[in-house]
Amino acid sequence: MSGFIILGIDRSGKELYVANTSPIIWTSERKDAKILSTKKSAIIDLEEDFIFLSATITYTDLIAIEIAEYKNDQEIGREKYL
């Protein structure tokens, strides 16, 4: 896998991955994560559902939303979005 994925981190450090955007659907399996071709497209997808994401952070155990970049199935970078 190469590309960008969106993930959430909960209070215990567990990662959840976005399997679909608009509406956002979460999965516990990285293999089921939606792969985006660019960081910009990941940001655009997140901005479309920003109010939902803000509520998710407020009312669930998720404490962060991040965008991770993968190349040849290896994570090469990560940036906090929310």
C-alpha atoms as a PDB file:
ATOM      1  CA  MET A   1       0.000   0.000   0.000  1.00  0.00           C
ATOM      2  CA  SER A   2       1.205   3.477  -0.838  1.00  0.00           C
ATOM      3  CA  GLY A   3      -0.733   6.651  -0.146  1.00  0.00           C
ATOM      4  CA  PHE A   4      -2.354   8.455   2.750  1.00  0.00           C
ATOM      5  CA  ILE A   5      -4.795   7.167   5.349  1.00  0.00           C
ATOM      6  CA  ILE A   6      -6.817   8.943   8.028  1.00  0.00           C
ATOM      7  CA  LEU A   7      -6.795   7.512  11.510  1.00  0.00           C
ATOM      8  CA  GLY A   8      -8.057   8.256  14.976  1.00  0.00           C
ATOM      9  CA  ILE A   9      -6.232   7.588  18.240  1.00  0.00           C
ATOM     10  CA  ASP A  10      -8.225   6.742  21.360  1.00  0.00           C
ATOM     11  CA  ARG A  11      -7.279   7.364  25.007  1.00  0.00           C
ATOM     12  CA  SER A  12      -5.602   3.957  25.302  1.00  0.00           C
ATOM     13  CA  GLY A  13      -3.485   4.532  22.176  1.00  0.00           C
ATOM     14  CA  LYS A  14      -5.537   2.219  19.947  1.00  0.00           C
ATOM     15  CA  GLU A  15      -5.781   3.273  16.311  1.00  0.00           C
ATOM     16  CA  LEU A  16      -9.006   3.324  14.299  1.00  0.00           C
ATOM     17  CA  TYR A  17      -8.931   3.910  10.557  1.00  0.00           C
ATOM     18  CA  VAL A  18     -11.328   5.728   8.263  1.00  0.00           C
ATOM     19  CA  ALA A  19     -12.764   3.184   5.830  1.00  0.00           C
ATOM     20  CA  ASN A  20     -15.060   5.681   4.114  1.00  0.00           C
ATOM     21  CA  THR A  21     -15.557   9.407   4.068  1.00  0.00           C
ATOM     22  CA  SER A  22     -18.837  11.251   3.613  1.00  0.00           C
ATOM     23  CA  PRO A  23     -20.120   9.771   5.843  1.00  0.00           C
ATOM     24  CA  ILE A  24     -17.112   8.810   7.929  1.00  0.00           C
ATOM     25  CA  ILE A  25     -17.060   5.115   8.750  1.00  0.00           C
ATOM     26  CA  TRP A  26     -14.404   3.756  11.119  1.00  0.00           C
ATOM     27  CA  THR A  27     -12.684   0.357  11.052  1.00  0.00           C
ATOM     28  CA  SER A  28     -10.238  -1.299  13.407  1.00  0.00           C
ATOM     29  CA  GLU A  29      -8.362  -2.915  10.505  1.00  0.00           C
ATOM     30  CA  ARG A  30      -5.692  -0.909   8.671  1.00  0.00           C
ATOM     31  CA  LYS A  31      -6.162  -3.119   5.599  1.00  0.00           C
ATOM     32  CA  ASP A  32      -9.724  -1.749   5.311  1.00  0.00           C
ATOM     33  CA  ALA A  33      -8.670   1.913   5.498  1.00  0.00           C
ATOM     34  CA  LYS A  34      -9.493   4.217   2.609  1.00  0.00           C
ATOM     35  CA  ILE A  35      -6.285   5.030   0.745  1.00  0.00           C
ATOM     36  CA  LEU A  36      -6.005   8.546  -0.607  1.00  0.00           C
ATOM     37  CA  SER A  37      -3.482   9.520  -3.254  1.00  0.00           C
ATOM     38  CA  THR A  38      -2.443  12.855  -1.755  1.00  0.00           C
ATOM     39  CA  LYS A  39      -2.341  14.531   1.631  1.00  0.00           C
ATOM     40  CA  LYS A  40      -4.428  17.347   0.180  1.00  0.00           C
ATOM     41  CA  SER A  41      -7.222  14.949  -0.764  1.00  0.00           C
ATOM     42  CA  ALA A  42      -7.186  13.558   2.802  1.00  0.00           C
ATOM     43  CA  ILE A  43      -7.484  17.091   4.200  1.00  0.00           C
ATOM     44  CA  ILE A  44     -10.334  17.925   1.809  1.00  0.00           C
ATOM     45  CA  ASP A  45     -12.217  14.787   2.886  1.00  0.00           C
ATOM     46  CA  LEU A  46     -11.712  15.716   6.548  1.00  0.00           C
ATOM     47  CA  GLU A  47     -12.819  19.308   6.010  1.00  0.00           C
ATOM     48  CA  GLU A  48     -16.082  18.126   4.436  1.00  0.00           C
ATOM     49  CA  ASP A  49     -16.978  16.403   7.716  1.00  0.00           C
ATOM     50  CA  PHE A  50     -15.219  18.761  10.153  1.00  0.00           C
ATOM     51  CA  ILE A  51     -18.271  19.303  12.372  1.00  0.00           C
ATOM     52  CA  PHE A  52     -18.763  15.537  12.677  1.00  0.00           C
ATOM     53  CA  LEU A  53     -15.072  15.046  13.501  1.00  0.00           C
ATOM     54  CA  SER A  54     -15.161  17.769  16.137  1.00  0.00           C
ATOM     55  CA  ALA A  55     -18.153  16.085  17.771  1.00  0.00           C
ATOM     56  CA  THR A  56     -16.380  12.731  17.568  1.00  0.00           C
ATOM     57  CA  ILE A  57     -13.422  14.121  19.517  1.00  0.00           C
ATOM     58  CA  THR A  58     -15.745  15.745  22.060  1.00  0.00           C
ATOM     59  CA  TYR A  59     -18.115  12.834  22.689  1.00  0.00           C
ATOM     60  CA  THR A  60     -16.015   9.664  22.199  1.00  0.00           C
ATOM     61  CA  ASP A  61     -12.742   8.215  23.452  1.00  0.00           C
ATOM     62  CA  LEU A  62     -10.888   9.523  20.392  1.00  0.00           C
ATOM     63  CA  ILE A  63      -8.322  12.145  21.321  1.00  0.00           C
ATOM     64  CA  ALA A  64      -6.705  12.837  17.935  1.00  0.00           C
ATOM     65  CA  ILE A  65      -7.262  12.575  14.181  1.00  0.00           C
ATOM     66  CA  GLU A  66      -4.106  12.081  12.123  1.00  0.00           C
ATOM     67  CA  ILE A  67      -3.045  11.600   8.510  1.00  0.00           C
ATOM     68  CA  ALA A  68      -0.387   8.957   7.911  1.00  0.00           C
ATOM     69  CA  GLU A  69       1.637   8.466   4.743  1.00  0.00           C
ATOM     70  CA  TYR A  70       2.592   4.974   3.621  1.00  0.00           C
ATOM     71  CA  LYS A  71       5.027   3.829   0.978  1.00  0.00           C
ATOM     72  CA  ASN A  72       5.348   0.131   0.124  1.00  0.00           C
ATOM     73  CA  ASP A  73       3.225  -0.728   3.181  1.00  0.00           C
ATOM     74  CA  GLN A  74       5.571   1.117   5.559  1.00  0.00           C
ATOM     75  CA  GLU A  75       4.550   4.262   7.420  1.00  0.00           C
ATOM     76  CA  ILE A  76       6.932   7.057   6.462  1.00  0.00           C
ATOM     77  CA  GLY A  77       5.255  10.017   8.144  1.00  0.00           C
ATOM     78  CA  ARG A  78       2.331  11.165  10.226  1.00  0.00           C
ATOM     79  CA  GLU A  79       0.743  14.537  10.932  1.00  0.00           C
ATOM     80  CA  LYS A  80      -1.869  15.460  13.492  1.00  0.00           C
ATOM     81  CA  TYR A  81      -4.994  16.977  11.925  1.00  0.00           C
ATOM     82  CA  LEU A  82      -7.280  17.485  14.935  1.00  0.00           C
END
